N, C-alpha and C. Protein backbone atom coordinates (compact mmCIF):
# COMPACT_ATOMS: atom_id res chain seq x y z
N MET A 1 49.10 99.66 71.66
CA MET A 1 50.47 99.20 71.87
C MET A 1 51.44 99.61 70.93
N ILE A 2 51.07 99.53 69.51
CA ILE A 2 51.90 99.85 68.42
C ILE A 2 52.10 101.33 68.44
N ARG A 3 51.25 102.05 68.88
CA ARG A 3 51.35 103.58 68.93
C ARG A 3 52.44 104.00 69.94
N ILE A 4 52.47 103.29 71.02
CA ILE A 4 53.30 103.42 72.26
C ILE A 4 54.82 103.04 71.72
N VAL A 5 54.92 102.01 70.90
CA VAL A 5 56.24 101.51 70.51
C VAL A 5 56.71 102.54 69.50
N PHE A 6 55.97 103.05 68.49
CA PHE A 6 56.25 104.11 67.58
C PHE A 6 56.67 105.38 68.34
N LEU A 7 55.82 105.66 69.43
CA LEU A 7 56.27 107.01 70.08
C LEU A 7 57.55 106.79 70.76
N LEU A 8 57.99 105.62 71.23
CA LEU A 8 59.15 105.48 71.98
C LEU A 8 60.46 105.53 70.95
N ILE A 9 60.23 104.98 69.92
CA ILE A 9 61.14 104.88 68.83
C ILE A 9 61.41 106.34 68.23
N SER A 10 60.21 106.98 68.26
CA SER A 10 60.44 108.51 67.71
C SER A 10 61.24 109.37 68.78
N LEU A 11 60.95 109.23 69.94
CA LEU A 11 61.59 109.81 71.08
C LEU A 11 63.24 109.55 71.02
N CYS A 12 63.47 108.31 70.87
CA CYS A 12 64.83 108.13 70.85
C CYS A 12 65.51 108.64 69.63
N TRP A 13 64.86 108.56 68.45
CA TRP A 13 65.31 109.17 67.21
C TRP A 13 65.57 110.66 67.43
N CYS A 14 64.67 111.39 68.07
CA CYS A 14 64.73 112.76 68.17
C CYS A 14 65.86 113.19 69.11
N TYR A 15 66.13 112.28 70.17
CA TYR A 15 67.34 112.65 71.07
C TYR A 15 68.50 112.47 70.35
N GLN A 16 68.64 111.51 69.40
CA GLN A 16 70.02 111.28 68.89
C GLN A 16 70.20 112.49 67.85
N VAL A 17 69.06 112.81 67.08
CA VAL A 17 69.24 113.85 66.18
C VAL A 17 69.73 115.15 66.94
N LYS A 18 69.07 115.39 68.09
CA LYS A 18 69.35 116.67 68.78
C LYS A 18 70.81 116.66 69.40
N ALA A 19 71.33 115.54 69.67
CA ALA A 19 72.66 115.42 70.09
C ALA A 19 73.77 115.70 68.89
N GLN A 20 73.39 114.93 67.82
CA GLN A 20 74.38 115.33 66.67
C GLN A 20 74.24 116.75 66.10
N GLU A 21 73.11 117.39 66.26
CA GLU A 21 72.83 118.76 65.79
C GLU A 21 73.73 119.60 66.74
N LYS A 22 73.68 119.38 68.03
CA LYS A 22 74.36 120.15 69.06
C LYS A 22 76.00 119.96 68.75
N SER A 23 76.50 118.81 68.53
CA SER A 23 77.82 118.67 68.19
C SER A 23 78.12 119.48 66.81
N GLN A 24 77.33 119.16 65.92
CA GLN A 24 77.73 119.82 64.65
C GLN A 24 77.73 121.52 64.71
N ASN A 25 76.86 121.95 65.55
CA ASN A 25 76.70 123.38 65.82
C ASN A 25 78.07 123.90 66.49
N LEU A 26 78.69 123.05 67.33
CA LEU A 26 79.79 123.49 67.97
C LEU A 26 80.94 123.40 66.98
N ILE A 27 81.06 122.28 66.15
CA ILE A 27 82.10 122.33 65.09
C ILE A 27 82.14 123.42 64.13
N THR A 28 80.90 123.79 63.84
CA THR A 28 80.60 124.74 62.87
C THR A 28 81.06 126.25 63.40
N LYS A 29 80.85 126.35 64.70
CA LYS A 29 81.20 127.62 65.48
C LYS A 29 82.66 127.65 65.64
N LEU A 30 83.39 126.54 65.93
CA LEU A 30 84.80 126.55 66.03
C LEU A 30 85.50 126.81 64.74
N ASP A 31 84.92 126.14 63.67
CA ASP A 31 85.47 126.31 62.33
C ASP A 31 85.35 127.82 61.98
N SER A 32 84.20 128.53 62.12
CA SER A 32 83.98 129.94 61.90
C SER A 32 84.93 130.71 62.42
N LEU A 33 85.11 130.67 63.87
CA LEU A 33 86.05 131.42 64.69
C LEU A 33 87.60 131.17 64.10
N ALA A 34 87.89 129.94 63.69
CA ALA A 34 89.21 129.73 63.24
C ALA A 34 89.58 130.35 62.10
N SER A 35 88.53 130.52 61.21
CA SER A 35 88.76 131.03 59.92
C SER A 35 88.60 132.64 60.05
N THR A 36 88.23 133.28 61.11
CA THR A 36 87.97 134.63 61.20
C THR A 36 88.74 135.24 62.38
N SER A 37 88.14 135.40 63.52
CA SER A 37 88.67 136.20 64.55
C SER A 37 89.54 135.39 65.48
N VAL A 38 89.77 134.07 65.43
CA VAL A 38 90.56 133.31 66.33
C VAL A 38 91.46 132.32 65.51
N PRO A 39 92.34 132.80 64.87
CA PRO A 39 93.18 131.74 63.91
C PRO A 39 94.03 130.87 64.75
N GLN A 40 94.18 131.18 66.04
CA GLN A 40 94.96 130.34 66.90
C GLN A 40 94.31 128.98 67.06
N LEU A 41 93.04 128.86 66.79
CA LEU A 41 92.35 127.67 66.93
C LEU A 41 93.00 126.63 65.97
N ASN A 42 93.57 127.06 64.98
CA ASN A 42 94.34 126.18 64.00
C ASN A 42 95.49 125.63 64.32
N ASN A 43 96.19 126.22 65.39
CA ASN A 43 97.52 125.84 65.93
C ASN A 43 97.29 124.40 66.45
N GLU A 44 98.49 123.69 66.26
CA GLU A 44 98.52 122.22 66.77
C GLU A 44 98.89 122.21 68.24
N VAL A 45 98.23 121.09 68.84
CA VAL A 45 98.40 120.91 70.31
C VAL A 45 99.20 119.54 70.47
N ASP A 46 100.29 119.51 71.24
CA ASP A 46 100.96 118.33 71.43
C ASP A 46 101.21 118.14 72.91
N ILE A 47 100.30 117.60 73.63
CA ILE A 47 100.35 117.53 75.03
C ILE A 47 99.97 116.13 75.46
N SER A 48 100.49 115.60 76.62
CA SER A 48 100.11 114.45 77.24
C SER A 48 99.95 114.79 78.84
N PHE A 49 99.01 114.32 79.40
CA PHE A 49 98.86 114.62 80.87
C PHE A 49 98.04 113.55 81.60
N SER A 50 98.15 113.48 82.79
CA SER A 50 97.51 112.42 83.52
C SER A 50 96.94 113.10 84.88
N ASN A 51 95.63 113.04 84.99
CA ASN A 51 95.07 113.46 86.20
C ASN A 51 95.27 114.94 86.67
N ILE A 52 95.06 115.86 85.66
CA ILE A 52 95.09 117.26 85.90
C ILE A 52 93.68 117.91 85.81
N SER A 53 93.59 118.95 86.30
CA SER A 53 92.36 119.64 86.33
C SER A 53 92.02 120.14 84.99
N ILE A 54 90.79 120.22 84.58
CA ILE A 54 90.52 120.69 83.14
C ILE A 54 90.80 122.19 83.04
N LYS A 55 90.82 122.93 84.28
CA LYS A 55 91.39 124.39 84.26
C LYS A 55 92.79 124.47 83.70
N GLU A 56 93.64 123.55 84.44
CA GLU A 56 95.02 123.66 83.98
C GLU A 56 95.21 123.20 82.59
N LEU A 57 94.47 122.24 82.05
CA LEU A 57 94.60 121.99 80.71
C LEU A 57 94.19 123.12 79.89
N ILE A 58 93.27 123.74 80.13
CA ILE A 58 92.73 124.95 79.31
C ILE A 58 93.91 125.85 79.28
N ARG A 59 94.27 126.24 80.54
CA ARG A 59 95.43 127.22 80.53
C ARG A 59 96.74 126.71 79.69
N THR A 60 97.01 125.53 79.84
CA THR A 60 98.11 124.97 79.01
C THR A 60 97.87 125.07 77.52
N ILE A 61 96.71 124.94 77.03
CA ILE A 61 96.36 125.00 75.59
C ILE A 61 96.48 126.53 75.30
N GLY A 62 95.94 127.45 76.04
CA GLY A 62 96.07 128.67 75.95
C GLY A 62 97.47 129.13 75.84
N ASN A 63 98.36 128.75 76.52
CA ASN A 63 99.72 129.18 76.69
C ASN A 63 100.52 128.71 75.38
N THR A 64 100.25 127.37 75.06
CA THR A 64 101.00 126.85 73.82
C THR A 64 100.55 127.34 72.59
N THR A 65 99.31 127.68 72.40
CA THR A 65 98.65 128.04 71.21
C THR A 65 98.55 129.52 71.01
N GLY A 66 98.57 130.37 72.05
CA GLY A 66 98.33 131.74 71.96
C GLY A 66 96.87 132.20 71.96
N LEU A 67 96.04 131.17 72.46
CA LEU A 67 94.60 131.34 72.52
C LEU A 67 94.32 132.27 73.79
N ASN A 68 93.39 133.17 73.57
CA ASN A 68 92.80 133.82 75.00
C ASN A 68 91.52 132.93 75.33
N ILE A 69 91.72 132.15 76.23
CA ILE A 69 90.63 131.08 76.61
C ILE A 69 90.53 131.12 78.24
N THR A 70 89.21 131.03 78.57
CA THR A 70 89.03 130.93 79.98
C THR A 70 87.96 129.89 80.23
N ILE A 71 87.84 129.43 81.35
CA ILE A 71 86.86 128.36 81.77
C ILE A 71 86.21 128.76 83.12
N ASP A 72 85.10 128.41 83.24
CA ASP A 72 84.08 128.82 84.35
C ASP A 72 84.80 128.25 85.60
N PRO A 73 84.84 129.02 86.67
CA PRO A 73 85.45 128.43 87.95
C PRO A 73 84.65 127.22 88.50
N ASN A 74 83.42 127.02 88.20
CA ASN A 74 82.68 125.92 88.76
C ASN A 74 82.86 124.57 88.03
N VAL A 75 83.75 124.57 86.96
CA VAL A 75 84.04 123.37 86.20
C VAL A 75 85.28 122.69 86.75
N THR A 76 85.06 121.49 87.28
CA THR A 76 86.12 121.01 88.29
C THR A 76 86.46 119.42 87.83
N TYR A 77 86.48 119.12 86.40
CA TYR A 77 86.73 117.74 86.15
C TYR A 77 88.28 117.58 86.14
N SER A 78 88.55 116.25 86.42
CA SER A 78 89.96 115.71 86.17
C SER A 78 90.00 115.12 84.89
N VAL A 79 91.17 115.46 84.25
CA VAL A 79 91.33 114.95 82.78
C VAL A 79 92.57 114.06 82.67
N ASN A 80 92.36 113.02 82.01
CA ASN A 80 93.59 112.13 81.43
C ASN A 80 93.54 112.10 80.00
N SER A 81 94.53 112.64 79.20
CA SER A 81 94.46 112.47 77.82
C SER A 81 96.01 112.64 77.13
N ASN A 82 95.79 112.31 75.98
CA ASN A 82 97.06 112.39 75.05
C ASN A 82 96.64 113.08 73.85
N PHE A 83 97.07 114.36 73.50
CA PHE A 83 96.90 114.83 72.26
C PHE A 83 98.19 114.92 71.54
N ASN A 84 98.19 114.55 70.38
CA ASN A 84 99.43 114.54 69.58
C ASN A 84 99.11 115.08 68.14
N LYS A 85 99.63 116.43 67.91
CA LYS A 85 99.59 117.14 66.60
C LYS A 85 98.10 117.16 66.29
N VAL A 86 97.21 117.49 67.23
CA VAL A 86 95.79 117.84 67.06
C VAL A 86 95.42 119.41 67.05
N LYS A 87 94.72 119.86 66.17
CA LYS A 87 94.24 121.23 66.14
C LYS A 87 93.59 121.62 67.45
N ALA A 88 93.94 122.81 67.93
CA ALA A 88 93.43 123.24 69.17
C ALA A 88 91.78 123.33 69.12
N SER A 89 91.32 123.65 68.02
CA SER A 89 89.69 123.62 67.87
C SER A 89 89.17 122.14 68.05
N ASP A 90 89.84 121.15 67.66
CA ASP A 90 89.60 119.77 67.89
C ASP A 90 89.59 119.28 69.39
N VAL A 91 90.55 119.82 69.96
CA VAL A 91 90.71 119.51 71.43
C VAL A 91 89.68 120.24 72.22
N ILE A 92 89.35 121.52 71.84
CA ILE A 92 88.30 122.24 72.54
C ILE A 92 86.95 121.57 72.24
N GLY A 93 86.73 121.34 71.09
CA GLY A 93 85.35 120.71 70.68
C GLY A 93 85.30 119.26 71.40
N PHE A 94 86.21 118.56 71.49
CA PHE A 94 86.13 117.27 72.13
C PHE A 94 85.83 117.42 73.71
N LEU A 95 86.59 118.57 74.30
CA LEU A 95 86.36 118.79 75.80
C LEU A 95 84.98 119.21 76.02
N CYS A 96 84.44 120.18 75.07
CA CYS A 96 83.01 120.57 75.23
C CYS A 96 82.00 119.51 75.06
N SER A 97 82.23 118.54 74.32
CA SER A 97 81.37 117.44 74.03
C SER A 97 81.33 116.46 75.25
N ARG A 98 82.67 116.12 75.57
CA ARG A 98 82.90 115.18 76.63
C ARG A 98 82.33 115.63 77.89
N TYR A 99 82.49 116.99 78.24
CA TYR A 99 82.21 117.38 79.64
C TYR A 99 81.07 118.40 79.59
N ASN A 100 80.14 118.35 78.56
CA ASN A 100 79.01 118.98 78.42
C ASN A 100 79.21 120.50 78.68
N LEU A 101 80.23 121.16 77.81
CA LEU A 101 80.45 122.50 77.93
C LEU A 101 80.07 123.37 76.94
N ASP A 102 79.75 124.55 77.03
CA ASP A 102 79.34 125.46 76.05
C ASP A 102 80.38 126.53 75.76
N LEU A 103 80.48 126.96 74.38
CA LEU A 103 81.48 127.90 74.12
C LEU A 103 81.01 129.17 73.83
N VAL A 104 81.32 130.23 74.45
CA VAL A 104 80.91 131.54 74.23
C VAL A 104 82.09 132.36 73.90
N THR A 105 81.81 133.26 72.94
CA THR A 105 82.98 134.19 72.60
C THR A 105 82.68 135.63 72.79
N HIS A 106 83.78 136.39 73.21
CA HIS A 106 83.76 137.78 73.40
C HIS A 106 84.95 138.33 72.58
N GLY A 107 84.69 138.81 71.34
CA GLY A 107 85.73 139.12 70.54
C GLY A 107 86.68 137.82 70.22
N SER A 108 87.88 138.02 70.59
CA SER A 108 88.92 136.88 70.37
C SER A 108 89.01 136.09 71.75
N ILE A 109 88.28 136.35 72.61
CA ILE A 109 88.32 135.42 73.83
C ILE A 109 87.24 134.47 73.78
N ILE A 110 87.57 133.25 74.13
CA ILE A 110 86.75 132.13 74.23
C ILE A 110 86.53 131.70 75.71
N HIS A 111 85.29 131.58 76.02
CA HIS A 111 85.06 131.14 77.40
C HIS A 111 84.19 129.85 77.39
N LEU A 112 84.71 128.96 78.19
CA LEU A 112 83.86 127.64 78.30
C LEU A 112 83.13 127.63 79.58
N GLN A 113 81.88 127.19 79.50
CA GLN A 113 81.04 127.13 80.70
C GLN A 113 80.02 126.01 80.65
N PRO A 114 79.58 125.52 81.74
CA PRO A 114 78.59 124.44 81.71
C PRO A 114 77.28 124.77 80.90
N ILE A 115 76.87 123.91 80.12
CA ILE A 115 75.60 124.10 79.35
C ILE A 115 74.41 124.15 80.46
N ILE A 116 73.72 125.29 80.30
CA ILE A 116 72.59 125.46 81.25
C ILE A 116 71.47 124.40 80.76
N ILE A 117 70.98 123.64 81.76
CA ILE A 117 69.86 122.84 81.49
C ILE A 117 68.64 123.33 82.20
N LYS A 118 67.61 123.42 81.38
CA LYS A 118 66.26 123.83 81.91
C LYS A 118 65.75 122.95 83.02
N GLU A 119 64.83 123.36 83.75
CA GLU A 119 64.27 122.48 84.82
C GLU A 119 63.59 121.35 84.36
N GLU A 120 63.44 120.32 85.26
CA GLU A 120 62.71 119.12 84.86
C GLU A 120 61.35 119.38 84.69
N LYS A 121 60.84 118.78 83.64
CA LYS A 121 59.31 118.95 83.41
C LYS A 121 58.65 117.68 82.77
N LEU A 122 57.59 117.16 83.19
CA LEU A 122 56.96 116.09 82.67
C LEU A 122 55.37 116.29 82.78
N PHE A 123 54.81 116.36 81.62
CA PHE A 123 53.46 116.60 81.37
C PHE A 123 52.92 115.59 80.41
N ILE A 124 52.00 114.81 80.73
CA ILE A 124 51.46 113.80 79.74
C ILE A 124 49.84 114.02 79.89
N GLU A 125 49.14 114.09 78.90
CA GLU A 125 47.72 114.16 78.92
C GLU A 125 47.19 113.33 77.77
N SER A 126 46.25 112.56 78.03
CA SER A 126 45.58 111.63 77.05
C SER A 126 44.36 112.47 76.62
N VAL A 127 44.38 112.96 75.51
CA VAL A 127 43.46 113.88 74.88
C VAL A 127 42.05 113.10 74.44
N ASN A 128 42.28 111.83 73.87
CA ASN A 128 41.24 110.98 73.54
C ASN A 128 41.88 109.57 73.40
N ASP A 129 41.14 108.67 72.77
CA ASP A 129 41.65 107.20 72.60
C ASP A 129 42.83 107.19 71.60
N SER A 130 42.94 108.07 70.70
CA SER A 130 44.06 107.97 69.67
C SER A 130 45.05 109.10 69.79
N THR A 131 44.90 109.96 70.78
CA THR A 131 45.85 111.15 70.75
C THR A 131 46.45 111.28 72.16
N ILE A 132 47.88 111.59 72.20
CA ILE A 132 48.43 111.71 73.46
C ILE A 132 49.21 113.07 73.26
N SER A 133 49.18 113.99 74.33
CA SER A 133 49.94 115.24 74.25
C SER A 133 50.87 115.20 75.41
N TYR A 134 52.23 115.42 75.24
CA TYR A 134 53.25 115.42 76.19
C TYR A 134 54.30 116.45 76.00
N GLU A 135 54.77 116.88 77.22
CA GLU A 135 55.81 117.83 77.32
C GLU A 135 56.80 117.36 78.36
N VAL A 136 58.14 117.27 77.73
CA VAL A 136 59.17 116.53 78.51
C VAL A 136 60.46 117.27 78.46
N ASN A 137 61.18 117.57 79.57
CA ASN A 137 62.33 118.12 79.62
C ASN A 137 63.08 117.66 80.91
N LYS A 138 64.41 117.12 80.40
CA LYS A 138 65.19 116.65 81.49
C LYS A 138 64.65 115.68 82.48
N ILE A 139 64.03 114.73 81.90
CA ILE A 139 63.39 113.66 82.67
C ILE A 139 64.00 112.38 82.32
N LYS A 140 64.24 111.25 83.26
CA LYS A 140 64.80 110.14 82.92
C LYS A 140 63.84 109.31 82.03
N ALA A 141 64.33 108.65 81.23
CA ALA A 141 63.51 107.74 80.28
C ALA A 141 62.46 106.83 81.10
N THR A 142 63.06 106.31 82.11
CA THR A 142 62.18 105.42 82.98
C THR A 142 61.00 106.07 83.50
N ASP A 143 61.18 107.26 83.99
CA ASP A 143 60.02 107.88 84.71
C ASP A 143 59.09 108.46 83.50
N PHE A 144 59.66 108.76 82.35
CA PHE A 144 58.62 109.20 81.20
C PHE A 144 57.94 107.94 80.85
N PHE A 145 58.45 106.78 80.71
CA PHE A 145 57.71 105.64 80.32
C PHE A 145 56.79 104.97 81.26
N LYS A 146 57.19 105.24 82.59
CA LYS A 146 56.18 104.73 83.75
C LYS A 146 54.87 105.77 83.63
N GLU A 147 55.12 106.98 83.32
CA GLU A 147 53.90 108.02 83.47
C GLU A 147 53.11 107.62 82.16
N MET A 148 53.85 107.56 81.01
CA MET A 148 53.08 107.23 79.87
C MET A 148 52.28 105.92 79.79
N THR A 149 52.88 104.94 80.64
CA THR A 149 52.09 103.72 80.76
C THR A 149 50.80 103.94 81.66
N ASN A 150 51.01 104.73 82.59
CA ASN A 150 49.91 104.98 83.50
C ASN A 150 48.76 105.77 82.79
N LYS A 151 49.14 106.75 81.85
CA LYS A 151 48.13 107.60 81.23
C LYS A 151 47.50 106.81 80.05
N THR A 152 48.09 105.88 79.62
CA THR A 152 47.45 105.29 78.47
C THR A 152 46.98 103.89 78.88
């Protein structure tokens, strides 16, 4: 039982570290772009809006800052926010984090697209009394723990 609790705590910790790592990678990428090929990311954004599409927001940010920015046509979120004297890189980073978007660059063009998530996968094998082997991808925690309980 202690092993299972330890395993669960380890999984939760790994998930949190992975999310922080993803966010930090995005910030690093935006900072690098702002200091090299896309200095417009340093321009301030001062806009307020209610219930507009994320596509319109991205277009407005591009127009007000001089950014060459596009967004995947399949992204269809409605956004309500107020940005007052915020760097364009911070707004884009926030939108990517909030709406699970990835940032791809082509020279000085920034393209936002949904993060591609791999297929669901759950494999748990009890090797012996003290060892468990598992492989998990895009599975609900409840499904994982149910299967883990069944196998142990």
